[in-house]
């Protein structure tokens, strides 16, 4: 949420069919407009590729009687959800607050709501001097001015330019080392 500006339920309901690795976009079911397309930034792409790899691995079934692992049943299929959950009836993550709060405590951060991550995206976008209309479009805010409603039609590549800049700045400030050149090579391999 911090790197995409999306709402919690928009990301929780993301399906693999909504992730376009060729065009580097995410199609998000927007609570305001129905659907919106945002750029798939390099770091988020690497994270999603790892989730996809894990999602495509069938679970090992452990045979307690004989003490060995066996192949999963032939009816197993990968989850259609990007953020799947084996314990949720829906098959996707439902309530991330408990894990989120544990993660904050484990790294010594103060309390921060999940929606606070989304709010932070909008605030941090200002540090790279991103135009407010661009960050608002990425976040799925309804256009507020006449010009935004009727005259500004931004293509995803323009959003990508700024979204990648925002992501890079956030990672730099967080001390996350991520070589953008290396991520381009990963995309070719994937």
N, C-alpha and C. Protein backbone atom coordinates (compact mmCIF):
# COMPACT_ATOMS: atom_id res chain seq x y z
N UNK A 1 0.83 -1.19 0.00
CA UNK A 1 0.00 0.00 0.00
C UNK A 1 0.87 1.25 0.00
N UNK A 2 1.98 1.19 0.69
CA UNK A 2 2.89 2.33 0.73
C UNK A 2 3.49 2.59 -0.65
N UNK A 3 3.75 1.56 -1.42
CA UNK A 3 4.39 1.73 -2.72
C UNK A 3 3.41 1.87 -3.88
N UNK A 4 2.15 1.55 -3.67
CA UNK A 4 1.17 1.66 -4.77
C UNK A 4 0.13 2.75 -4.53
N UNK A 5 -0.07 3.14 -3.29
CA UNK A 5 -1.11 4.11 -2.99
C UNK A 5 -2.51 3.54 -3.05
N UNK A 6 -2.61 2.23 -3.22
CA UNK A 6 -3.92 1.59 -3.35
C UNK A 6 -4.60 1.45 -1.98
N UNK A 7 -5.90 1.24 -2.02
CA UNK A 7 -6.67 0.97 -0.81
C UNK A 7 -6.45 -0.49 -0.42
N UNK A 8 -6.63 -0.78 0.86
CA UNK A 8 -6.40 -2.13 1.38
C UNK A 8 -7.18 -3.19 0.61
N UNK A 9 -8.48 -2.98 0.43
CA UNK A 9 -9.30 -3.99 -0.25
C UNK A 9 -9.01 -4.07 -1.75
N UNK A 10 -8.51 -2.98 -2.33
CA UNK A 10 -8.13 -3.03 -3.74
C UNK A 10 -6.98 -3.99 -3.94
N UNK A 11 -6.01 -3.95 -3.04
CA UNK A 11 -4.88 -4.87 -3.15
C UNK A 11 -5.27 -6.29 -2.71
N UNK A 12 -6.08 -6.39 -1.68
CA UNK A 12 -6.48 -7.73 -1.20
C UNK A 12 -7.26 -8.48 -2.27
N UNK A 13 -7.99 -7.77 -3.11
CA UNK A 13 -8.79 -8.44 -4.15
C UNK A 13 -8.07 -8.54 -5.49
N UNK A 14 -6.78 -8.24 -5.51
CA UNK A 14 -5.99 -8.33 -6.74
C UNK A 14 -5.81 -9.79 -7.14
N UNK A 15 -6.11 -10.08 -8.40
CA UNK A 15 -5.95 -11.44 -8.94
C UNK A 15 -4.74 -11.45 -9.87
N UNK A 16 -4.22 -12.64 -10.10
CA UNK A 16 -3.08 -12.76 -11.01
C UNK A 16 -3.44 -12.29 -12.41
N UNK A 17 -4.68 -12.43 -12.81
CA UNK A 17 -5.10 -11.96 -14.13
C UNK A 17 -5.07 -10.43 -14.22
N UNK A 18 -5.00 -9.74 -13.08
CA UNK A 18 -4.93 -8.28 -13.04
C UNK A 18 -3.50 -7.75 -13.14
N UNK A 19 -2.53 -8.66 -13.07
CA UNK A 19 -1.12 -8.29 -13.13
C UNK A 19 -0.63 -8.57 -14.55
N UNK A 20 -0.24 -7.53 -15.26
CA UNK A 20 0.26 -7.67 -16.63
C UNK A 20 1.77 -7.45 -16.62
N UNK A 21 2.51 -8.56 -16.67
CA UNK A 21 3.97 -8.48 -16.62
C UNK A 21 4.55 -8.01 -17.95
N UNK A 22 3.81 -8.15 -19.03
CA UNK A 22 4.31 -7.66 -20.33
C UNK A 22 4.25 -6.14 -20.40
N UNK A 23 3.11 -5.57 -20.05
CA UNK A 23 2.93 -4.12 -20.12
C UNK A 23 3.26 -3.42 -18.81
N UNK A 24 3.63 -4.22 -17.78
CA UNK A 24 4.02 -3.69 -16.47
C UNK A 24 2.93 -2.80 -15.87
N UNK A 25 1.73 -3.40 -15.75
CA UNK A 25 0.61 -2.67 -15.17
C UNK A 25 -0.16 -3.55 -14.18
N UNK A 26 -0.91 -2.88 -13.32
CA UNK A 26 -1.86 -3.54 -12.42
C UNK A 26 -3.24 -2.96 -12.72
N UNK A 27 -4.22 -3.83 -12.91
CA UNK A 27 -5.60 -3.39 -13.07
C UNK A 27 -6.28 -3.55 -11.73
N UNK A 28 -6.66 -2.43 -11.16
CA UNK A 28 -7.21 -2.42 -9.81
C UNK A 28 -8.70 -2.13 -9.86
N UNK A 29 -9.47 -2.94 -9.12
CA UNK A 29 -10.91 -2.69 -9.01
C UNK A 29 -11.09 -1.53 -8.04
N UNK A 30 -11.39 -0.39 -8.59
CA UNK A 30 -11.44 0.88 -7.86
C UNK A 30 -12.80 1.07 -7.22
N UNK A 31 -12.82 1.50 -5.97
CA UNK A 31 -14.11 1.72 -5.29
C UNK A 31 -14.83 2.94 -5.84
N UNK A 32 -14.13 3.85 -6.54
CA UNK A 32 -14.73 5.08 -7.05
C UNK A 32 -15.14 4.93 -8.50
N UNK A 33 -14.22 4.55 -9.38
CA UNK A 33 -14.46 4.56 -10.82
C UNK A 33 -14.75 3.18 -11.42
N UNK A 34 -14.61 2.12 -10.69
CA UNK A 34 -14.82 0.77 -11.24
C UNK A 34 -13.50 0.06 -11.44
N UNK A 35 -12.66 0.53 -12.33
CA UNK A 35 -11.33 -0.03 -12.58
C UNK A 35 -10.37 1.10 -12.90
N UNK A 36 -9.12 0.90 -12.53
CA UNK A 36 -8.08 1.82 -12.97
C UNK A 36 -6.81 1.02 -13.21
N UNK A 37 -5.98 1.51 -14.07
CA UNK A 37 -4.71 0.85 -14.37
C UNK A 37 -3.59 1.73 -13.86
N UNK A 38 -2.71 1.10 -13.08
CA UNK A 38 -1.55 1.83 -12.58
C UNK A 38 -0.29 1.10 -13.02
N UNK A 39 0.84 1.79 -13.01
CA UNK A 39 2.09 1.14 -13.39
C UNK A 39 2.50 0.07 -12.37
N UNK A 40 3.15 -0.95 -12.86
CA UNK A 40 3.79 -1.95 -12.01
C UNK A 40 5.24 -1.50 -11.90
N UNK A 41 5.59 -0.92 -10.77
CA UNK A 41 6.93 -0.38 -10.59
C UNK A 41 7.94 -1.51 -10.39
N UNK A 42 9.24 -1.24 -10.63
CA UNK A 42 10.24 -2.32 -10.61
C UNK A 42 10.32 -3.12 -9.31
N UNK A 43 10.32 -2.45 -8.16
CA UNK A 43 10.45 -3.17 -6.90
C UNK A 43 9.19 -3.98 -6.60
N UNK A 44 8.04 -3.39 -6.82
CA UNK A 44 6.78 -4.11 -6.61
C UNK A 44 6.71 -5.32 -7.54
N UNK A 45 7.20 -5.16 -8.75
CA UNK A 45 7.21 -6.28 -9.69
C UNK A 45 8.04 -7.45 -9.15
N UNK A 46 9.22 -7.15 -8.62
CA UNK A 46 10.08 -8.21 -8.06
C UNK A 46 9.37 -8.90 -6.90
N UNK A 47 8.71 -8.12 -6.05
CA UNK A 47 7.96 -8.72 -4.93
C UNK A 47 6.84 -9.63 -5.44
N UNK A 48 6.11 -9.17 -6.46
CA UNK A 48 5.00 -9.96 -7.00
C UNK A 48 5.51 -11.20 -7.73
N UNK A 49 6.65 -11.10 -8.40
CA UNK A 49 7.22 -12.29 -9.06
C UNK A 49 7.56 -13.37 -8.04
N UNK A 50 8.04 -12.96 -6.87
CA UNK A 50 8.34 -13.93 -5.81
C UNK A 50 7.05 -14.55 -5.27
N UNK A 51 6.01 -13.73 -5.09
CA UNK A 51 4.71 -14.27 -4.66
C UNK A 51 4.16 -15.25 -5.70
N UNK A 52 4.32 -14.90 -6.96
CA UNK A 52 3.84 -15.77 -8.03
C UNK A 52 4.57 -17.11 -8.02
N UNK A 53 5.89 -17.05 -7.83
CA UNK A 53 6.69 -18.28 -7.77
C UNK A 53 6.21 -19.17 -6.62
N UNK A 54 5.99 -18.56 -5.46
CA UNK A 54 5.51 -19.33 -4.30
C UNK A 54 4.10 -19.87 -4.54
N UNK A 55 3.27 -19.09 -5.20
CA UNK A 55 1.89 -19.50 -5.47
C UNK A 55 1.82 -20.70 -6.41
N UNK A 56 2.79 -20.81 -7.29
CA UNK A 56 2.76 -21.88 -8.28
C UNK A 56 3.39 -23.18 -7.79
N UNK A 57 3.90 -23.18 -6.57
CA UNK A 57 4.46 -24.40 -5.99
C UNK A 57 3.37 -25.13 -5.21
N UNK A 58 3.08 -26.36 -5.60
CA UNK A 58 2.07 -27.11 -4.85
C UNK A 58 2.55 -27.39 -3.43
N UNK A 59 1.63 -27.39 -2.48
CA UNK A 59 2.01 -27.68 -1.10
C UNK A 59 2.42 -29.14 -0.95
N UNK A 60 3.38 -29.38 -0.09
CA UNK A 60 3.77 -30.75 0.19
C UNK A 60 2.82 -31.31 1.23
N UNK A 61 2.41 -32.53 1.03
CA UNK A 61 1.53 -33.20 1.98
C UNK A 61 2.39 -34.14 2.81
N UNK A 62 2.31 -33.99 4.11
CA UNK A 62 3.13 -34.81 4.99
C UNK A 62 2.31 -35.99 5.51
N UNK A 63 2.82 -37.15 5.32
CA UNK A 63 2.17 -38.36 5.77
C UNK A 63 2.69 -38.68 7.17
N UNK A 64 1.86 -38.40 8.19
CA UNK A 64 2.28 -38.61 9.57
C UNK A 64 2.54 -40.08 9.88
N UNK A 65 1.77 -40.96 9.28
CA UNK A 65 1.91 -42.38 9.57
C UNK A 65 3.27 -42.92 9.13
N UNK A 66 3.72 -42.51 7.95
CA UNK A 66 4.97 -43.03 7.42
C UNK A 66 6.13 -42.03 7.53
N UNK A 67 5.85 -40.81 8.01
CA UNK A 67 6.90 -39.83 8.23
C UNK A 67 7.58 -39.32 6.98
N UNK A 68 6.88 -39.28 5.85
CA UNK A 68 7.51 -38.75 4.64
C UNK A 68 6.52 -37.88 3.87
N UNK A 69 7.08 -37.02 3.07
CA UNK A 69 6.26 -36.13 2.25
C UNK A 69 5.84 -36.84 0.98
N UNK A 70 4.64 -36.53 0.55
CA UNK A 70 4.14 -37.10 -0.69
C UNK A 70 3.71 -35.96 -1.61
N UNK A 71 3.43 -36.28 -2.83
CA UNK A 71 2.99 -35.27 -3.80
C UNK A 71 1.60 -34.78 -3.42
N UNK A 72 1.29 -33.53 -3.74
CA UNK A 72 -0.05 -33.01 -3.45
C UNK A 72 -1.09 -33.68 -4.33
N UNK A 73 -2.32 -33.52 -3.96
CA UNK A 73 -3.39 -34.13 -4.74
C UNK A 73 -3.43 -33.55 -6.14
N UNK A 74 -3.98 -34.30 -7.05
CA UNK A 74 -4.04 -33.87 -8.45
C UNK A 74 -5.06 -32.77 -8.66
N UNK A 75 -5.89 -32.49 -7.67
CA UNK A 75 -6.89 -31.43 -7.82
C UNK A 75 -6.34 -30.06 -7.42
N UNK A 76 -5.13 -30.01 -6.87
CA UNK A 76 -4.55 -28.74 -6.45
C UNK A 76 -4.33 -27.82 -7.64
N UNK A 77 -4.63 -26.54 -7.45
CA UNK A 77 -4.36 -25.52 -8.45
C UNK A 77 -3.82 -24.29 -7.75
N UNK A 78 -2.97 -23.50 -8.44
CA UNK A 78 -2.51 -22.26 -7.83
C UNK A 78 -3.68 -21.34 -7.53
N UNK A 79 -3.53 -20.50 -6.53
CA UNK A 79 -4.58 -19.55 -6.18
C UNK A 79 -4.70 -18.47 -7.24
N UNK A 80 -5.92 -18.03 -7.55
CA UNK A 80 -6.08 -16.91 -8.48
C UNK A 80 -5.76 -15.56 -7.83
N UNK A 81 -5.63 -15.55 -6.48
CA UNK A 81 -5.41 -14.32 -5.73
C UNK A 81 -3.92 -14.04 -5.59
N UNK A 82 -3.51 -12.80 -5.75
CA UNK A 82 -2.12 -12.42 -5.54
C UNK A 82 -1.78 -12.56 -4.06
N UNK A 83 -2.68 -12.11 -3.19
CA UNK A 83 -2.46 -12.21 -1.75
C UNK A 83 -3.38 -13.29 -1.19
N UNK A 84 -3.02 -14.52 -1.50
CA UNK A 84 -3.86 -15.66 -1.12
C UNK A 84 -3.69 -15.99 0.36
N UNK A 85 -4.67 -16.73 0.86
CA UNK A 85 -4.63 -17.19 2.24
C UNK A 85 -5.29 -18.56 2.31
N UNK A 86 -4.52 -19.53 2.73
CA UNK A 86 -5.05 -20.90 2.83
C UNK A 86 -6.08 -21.02 3.94
N UNK A 87 -6.02 -20.12 4.93
CA UNK A 87 -6.94 -20.24 6.06
C UNK A 87 -8.23 -19.44 5.88
N UNK A 88 -8.30 -18.56 4.90
CA UNK A 88 -9.50 -17.76 4.69
C UNK A 88 -10.49 -18.49 3.78
N UNK A 89 -11.74 -18.41 4.10
CA UNK A 89 -12.77 -19.08 3.30
C UNK A 89 -12.80 -18.55 1.86
N UNK A 90 -12.50 -17.28 1.70
CA UNK A 90 -12.51 -16.67 0.36
C UNK A 90 -11.28 -17.06 -0.45
N UNK A 91 -10.23 -17.53 0.22
CA UNK A 91 -9.00 -17.90 -0.47
C UNK A 91 -8.00 -16.74 -0.55
N UNK A 92 -8.40 -15.56 -0.08
CA UNK A 92 -7.49 -14.40 -0.13
C UNK A 92 -7.41 -13.76 1.24
N UNK A 93 -6.40 -12.96 1.43
CA UNK A 93 -6.19 -12.28 2.71
C UNK A 93 -7.42 -11.45 3.06
N UNK A 94 -7.82 -11.52 4.32
CA UNK A 94 -9.00 -10.80 4.78
C UNK A 94 -8.66 -9.72 5.78
N UNK A 95 -7.90 -10.07 6.80
CA UNK A 95 -7.62 -9.13 7.89
C UNK A 95 -6.12 -9.08 8.14
N UNK A 96 -5.43 -8.12 7.51
CA UNK A 96 -3.97 -8.06 7.66
C UNK A 96 -3.48 -7.28 8.88
N UNK A 97 -4.38 -6.70 9.67
CA UNK A 97 -3.95 -5.81 10.76
C UNK A 97 -3.09 -6.50 11.81
N UNK A 98 -3.42 -7.72 12.16
CA UNK A 98 -2.65 -8.40 13.22
C UNK A 98 -1.20 -8.59 12.78
N UNK A 99 -1.00 -9.12 11.57
CA UNK A 99 0.36 -9.32 11.06
C UNK A 99 1.06 -7.98 10.85
N UNK A 100 0.32 -6.99 10.39
CA UNK A 100 0.87 -5.65 10.18
C UNK A 100 1.38 -5.07 11.50
N UNK A 101 0.57 -5.17 12.53
CA UNK A 101 0.96 -4.63 13.84
C UNK A 101 2.15 -5.38 14.42
N UNK A 102 2.21 -6.70 14.23
CA UNK A 102 3.35 -7.49 14.70
C UNK A 102 4.62 -7.07 13.97
N UNK A 103 4.50 -6.81 12.66
CA UNK A 103 5.66 -6.38 11.88
C UNK A 103 6.17 -5.03 12.37
N UNK A 104 5.27 -4.11 12.68
CA UNK A 104 5.67 -2.79 13.19
C UNK A 104 6.44 -2.94 14.50
N UNK A 105 5.90 -3.76 15.40
CA UNK A 105 6.54 -3.97 16.71
C UNK A 105 7.92 -4.62 16.52
N UNK A 106 8.01 -5.59 15.62
CA UNK A 106 9.27 -6.33 15.44
C UNK A 106 10.41 -5.46 14.96
N UNK A 107 10.10 -4.36 14.26
CA UNK A 107 11.16 -3.47 13.78
C UNK A 107 11.20 -2.15 14.55
N UNK A 108 10.42 -2.07 15.63
CA UNK A 108 10.46 -0.91 16.50
C UNK A 108 9.82 0.34 15.95
N UNK A 109 8.84 0.20 15.08
CA UNK A 109 8.15 1.37 14.53
C UNK A 109 6.91 1.69 15.36
N UNK A 110 6.53 2.95 15.40
CA UNK A 110 5.31 3.31 16.14
C UNK A 110 4.07 2.82 15.40
N UNK A 111 2.96 2.84 16.09
CA UNK A 111 1.70 2.39 15.49
C UNK A 111 1.42 3.18 14.22
N UNK A 112 0.99 2.48 13.19
CA UNK A 112 0.64 3.07 11.90
C UNK A 112 -0.45 2.20 11.30
N UNK A 113 -1.57 2.82 10.99
CA UNK A 113 -2.68 2.03 10.44
C UNK A 113 -2.35 1.60 9.01
N UNK A 114 -3.05 0.60 8.55
CA UNK A 114 -2.87 0.15 7.18
C UNK A 114 -3.27 1.27 6.22
N UNK A 115 -4.33 1.97 6.53
CA UNK A 115 -4.72 3.09 5.67
C UNK A 115 -3.68 4.22 5.75
N UNK A 116 -2.96 4.30 6.85
CA UNK A 116 -1.88 5.26 6.98
C UNK A 116 -0.78 5.05 5.96
N UNK A 117 -0.57 3.80 5.55
CA UNK A 117 0.41 3.51 4.51
C UNK A 117 -0.02 4.16 3.20
N UNK A 118 -1.30 4.06 2.89
CA UNK A 118 -1.84 4.69 1.67
C UNK A 118 -1.70 6.21 1.75
N UNK A 119 -2.07 6.77 2.90
CA UNK A 119 -1.94 8.23 3.09
C UNK A 119 -0.50 8.67 2.93
N UNK A 120 0.42 7.85 3.43
CA UNK A 120 1.84 8.18 3.34
C UNK A 120 2.30 8.22 1.88
N UNK A 121 1.77 7.36 1.04
CA UNK A 121 2.13 7.40 -0.38
C UNK A 121 1.86 8.80 -0.95
N UNK A 122 0.68 9.33 -0.69
CA UNK A 122 0.33 10.65 -1.19
C UNK A 122 1.23 11.74 -0.64
N UNK A 123 1.56 11.63 0.64
CA UNK A 123 2.43 12.62 1.27
C UNK A 123 3.86 12.51 0.74
N UNK A 124 4.37 11.30 0.65
CA UNK A 124 5.75 11.10 0.20
C UNK A 124 5.94 11.44 -1.27
N UNK A 125 4.89 11.37 -2.06
CA UNK A 125 4.97 11.74 -3.48
C UNK A 125 5.40 13.19 -3.64
N UNK A 126 5.06 14.01 -2.67
CA UNK A 126 5.44 15.43 -2.74
C UNK A 126 6.95 15.63 -2.63
N UNK A 127 7.65 14.68 -1.99
CA UNK A 127 9.10 14.82 -1.82
C UNK A 127 9.84 14.72 -3.15
N UNK A 128 9.26 14.09 -4.15
CA UNK A 128 9.89 14.03 -5.47
C UNK A 128 9.24 15.04 -6.41
N UNK A 129 8.45 15.94 -5.84
CA UNK A 129 7.77 17.00 -6.58
C UNK A 129 6.82 16.46 -7.65
N UNK A 130 6.20 15.35 -7.34
CA UNK A 130 5.21 14.74 -8.24
C UNK A 130 3.97 15.63 -8.30
N UNK A 131 3.48 15.93 -9.49
CA UNK A 131 2.24 16.72 -9.59
C UNK A 131 1.11 16.03 -8.83
N UNK A 132 0.34 16.81 -8.09
CA UNK A 132 -0.73 16.27 -7.25
C UNK A 132 -1.74 15.45 -8.06
N UNK A 133 -2.04 15.87 -9.27
CA UNK A 133 -2.99 15.13 -10.10
C UNK A 133 -2.51 13.74 -10.47
N UNK A 134 -1.22 13.59 -10.63
CA UNK A 134 -0.66 12.28 -10.97
C UNK A 134 -0.74 11.34 -9.78
N UNK A 135 -0.31 11.79 -8.60
CA UNK A 135 -0.40 10.91 -7.43
C UNK A 135 -1.86 10.60 -7.12
N UNK A 136 -2.75 11.57 -7.32
CA UNK A 136 -4.18 11.32 -7.09
C UNK A 136 -4.72 10.28 -8.06
N UNK A 137 -4.30 10.33 -9.32
CA UNK A 137 -4.76 9.35 -10.30
C UNK A 137 -4.24 7.96 -9.96
N UNK A 138 -2.99 7.86 -9.54
CA UNK A 138 -2.43 6.56 -9.14
C UNK A 138 -3.22 6.00 -7.96
N UNK A 139 -3.57 6.87 -7.01
CA UNK A 139 -4.27 6.45 -5.80
C UNK A 139 -5.76 6.20 -6.02
N UNK A 140 -6.28 6.62 -7.16
CA UNK A 140 -7.69 6.40 -7.45
C UNK A 140 -8.60 7.44 -6.85
N UNK A 141 -8.07 8.64 -6.58
CA UNK A 141 -8.92 9.73 -6.10
C UNK A 141 -9.72 10.29 -7.26
N UNK A 142 -10.93 10.64 -6.97
CA UNK A 142 -11.79 11.24 -7.97
C UNK A 142 -11.23 12.63 -8.33
N UNK A 143 -11.20 12.98 -9.64
CA UNK A 143 -10.71 14.31 -10.01
C UNK A 143 -11.56 15.39 -9.34
N UNK A 144 -10.88 16.41 -8.80
CA UNK A 144 -11.61 17.43 -8.06
C UNK A 144 -11.81 18.71 -8.84
N UNK A 145 -10.97 19.01 -9.79
CA UNK A 145 -11.09 20.27 -10.53
C UNK A 145 -11.61 20.00 -11.94
N UNK A 146 -12.18 21.01 -12.54
CA UNK A 146 -12.71 20.91 -13.91
C UNK A 146 -11.62 20.46 -14.87
N UNK A 147 -10.43 21.04 -14.73
CA UNK A 147 -9.33 20.68 -15.62
C UNK A 147 -9.00 19.20 -15.49
N UNK A 148 -8.93 18.71 -14.24
CA UNK A 148 -8.63 17.29 -14.02
C UNK A 148 -9.72 16.39 -14.58
N UNK A 149 -10.96 16.80 -14.45
CA UNK A 149 -12.08 15.98 -14.90
C UNK A 149 -12.16 15.88 -16.42
N UNK A 150 -11.88 16.98 -17.10
CA UNK A 150 -12.19 17.03 -18.53
C UNK A 150 -10.99 17.19 -19.46
N UNK A 151 -9.86 17.64 -18.95
CA UNK A 151 -8.75 17.95 -19.84
C UNK A 151 -7.49 17.12 -19.61
N UNK A 152 -7.37 16.47 -18.49
CA UNK A 152 -6.17 15.71 -18.19
C UNK A 152 -6.42 14.21 -18.34
N UNK A 153 -5.95 13.66 -19.42
CA UNK A 153 -5.99 12.22 -19.64
C UNK A 153 -4.56 11.73 -19.70
N UNK A 154 -4.07 11.23 -18.58
CA UNK A 154 -2.66 10.83 -18.50
C UNK A 154 -2.50 9.35 -18.87
N UNK A 155 -1.60 9.06 -19.80
CA UNK A 155 -1.33 7.65 -20.14
C UNK A 155 -0.53 6.98 -19.02
N UNK A 156 -0.58 5.67 -18.98
CA UNK A 156 0.08 4.92 -17.91
C UNK A 156 1.59 5.15 -17.95
N UNK A 157 2.18 5.42 -19.11
CA UNK A 157 3.63 5.66 -19.17
C UNK A 157 4.02 6.95 -18.45
N UNK A 158 3.17 7.97 -18.48
CA UNK A 158 3.44 9.20 -17.73
C UNK A 158 3.32 8.92 -16.23
N UNK A 159 2.30 8.14 -15.86
CA UNK A 159 2.17 7.74 -14.45
C UNK A 159 3.39 6.93 -14.03
N UNK A 160 3.88 6.05 -14.90
CA UNK A 160 5.03 5.19 -14.59
C UNK A 160 6.28 6.02 -14.27
N UNK A 161 6.50 7.07 -15.05
CA UNK A 161 7.67 7.92 -14.84
C UNK A 161 7.69 8.44 -13.39
N UNK A 162 6.56 8.96 -12.95
CA UNK A 162 6.48 9.52 -11.61
C UNK A 162 6.39 8.44 -10.54
N UNK A 163 5.65 7.38 -10.82
CA UNK A 163 5.46 6.31 -9.82
C UNK A 163 6.81 5.64 -9.52
N UNK A 164 7.62 5.44 -10.55
CA UNK A 164 8.94 4.84 -10.35
C UNK A 164 9.84 5.77 -9.54
N UNK A 165 9.71 7.06 -9.78
CA UNK A 165 10.47 8.06 -9.02
C UNK A 165 10.05 8.03 -7.54
N UNK A 166 8.76 7.95 -7.29
CA UNK A 166 8.24 7.89 -5.92
C UNK A 166 8.76 6.63 -5.23
N UNK A 167 8.62 5.48 -5.92
CA UNK A 167 9.09 4.22 -5.34
C UNK A 167 10.58 4.29 -5.02
N UNK A 168 11.38 4.77 -5.96
CA UNK A 168 12.83 4.85 -5.76
C UNK A 168 13.19 5.71 -4.55
N UNK A 169 12.50 6.83 -4.38
CA UNK A 169 12.77 7.72 -3.26
C UNK A 169 12.40 7.05 -1.94
N UNK A 170 11.24 6.41 -1.90
CA UNK A 170 10.81 5.72 -0.67
C UNK A 170 11.81 4.64 -0.29
N UNK A 171 12.25 3.85 -1.26
CA UNK A 171 13.22 2.78 -0.97
C UNK A 171 14.54 3.35 -0.49
N UNK A 172 14.98 4.43 -1.12
CA UNK A 172 16.24 5.08 -0.73
C UNK A 172 16.14 5.58 0.72
N UNK A 173 15.06 6.24 1.04
CA UNK A 173 14.89 6.78 2.39
C UNK A 173 14.76 5.66 3.42
N UNK A 174 14.22 4.52 3.01
CA UNK A 174 14.06 3.38 3.93
C UNK A 174 15.34 2.56 4.05
N UNK A 175 16.33 2.90 3.23
CA UNK A 175 17.59 2.15 3.26
C UNK A 175 17.50 0.80 2.57
N UNK A 176 16.53 0.64 1.67
CA UNK A 176 16.38 -0.61 0.92
C UNK A 176 17.22 -0.50 -0.34
N UNK A 177 18.20 -1.38 -0.44
CA UNK A 177 19.04 -1.36 -1.64
C UNK A 177 18.35 -2.15 -2.74
N UNK A 178 18.10 -1.46 -3.82
CA UNK A 178 17.45 -2.11 -4.95
C UNK A 178 18.00 -1.53 -6.23
N UNK A 179 18.85 -2.28 -6.90
CA UNK A 179 19.43 -1.76 -8.15
C UNK A 179 18.42 -1.85 -9.30
N UNK A 180 17.97 -0.71 -9.77
CA UNK A 180 16.97 -0.69 -10.83
C UNK A 180 17.49 -1.33 -12.11
N UNK A 181 18.78 -1.24 -12.37
CA UNK A 181 19.34 -1.89 -13.56
C UNK A 181 19.23 -3.41 -13.45
N UNK A 182 19.50 -3.94 -12.26
CA UNK A 182 19.39 -5.39 -12.06
C UNK A 182 17.96 -5.85 -12.22
N UNK A 183 16.98 -5.00 -11.83
CA UNK A 183 15.58 -5.41 -11.96
C UNK A 183 15.19 -5.54 -13.42
N UNK A 184 15.78 -4.73 -14.28
CA UNK A 184 15.49 -4.84 -15.72
C UNK A 184 15.97 -6.19 -16.26
N UNK A 185 17.12 -6.66 -15.75
CA UNK A 185 17.62 -7.96 -16.18
C UNK A 185 16.73 -9.08 -15.67
N UNK A 186 16.19 -8.95 -14.46
CA UNK A 186 15.27 -9.96 -13.92
C UNK A 186 14.03 -10.06 -14.80
N UNK A 187 13.54 -8.94 -15.30
CA UNK A 187 12.34 -8.94 -16.13
C UNK A 187 12.59 -9.73 -17.41
N UNK A 188 13.79 -9.60 -17.96
CA UNK A 188 14.09 -10.32 -19.19
C UNK A 188 14.11 -11.82 -18.93
N UNK A 189 14.68 -12.21 -17.81
CA UNK A 189 14.75 -13.63 -17.44
C UNK A 189 13.36 -14.19 -17.16
N UNK A 190 12.53 -13.41 -16.44
CA UNK A 190 11.21 -13.88 -16.07
C UNK A 190 10.34 -13.96 -17.29
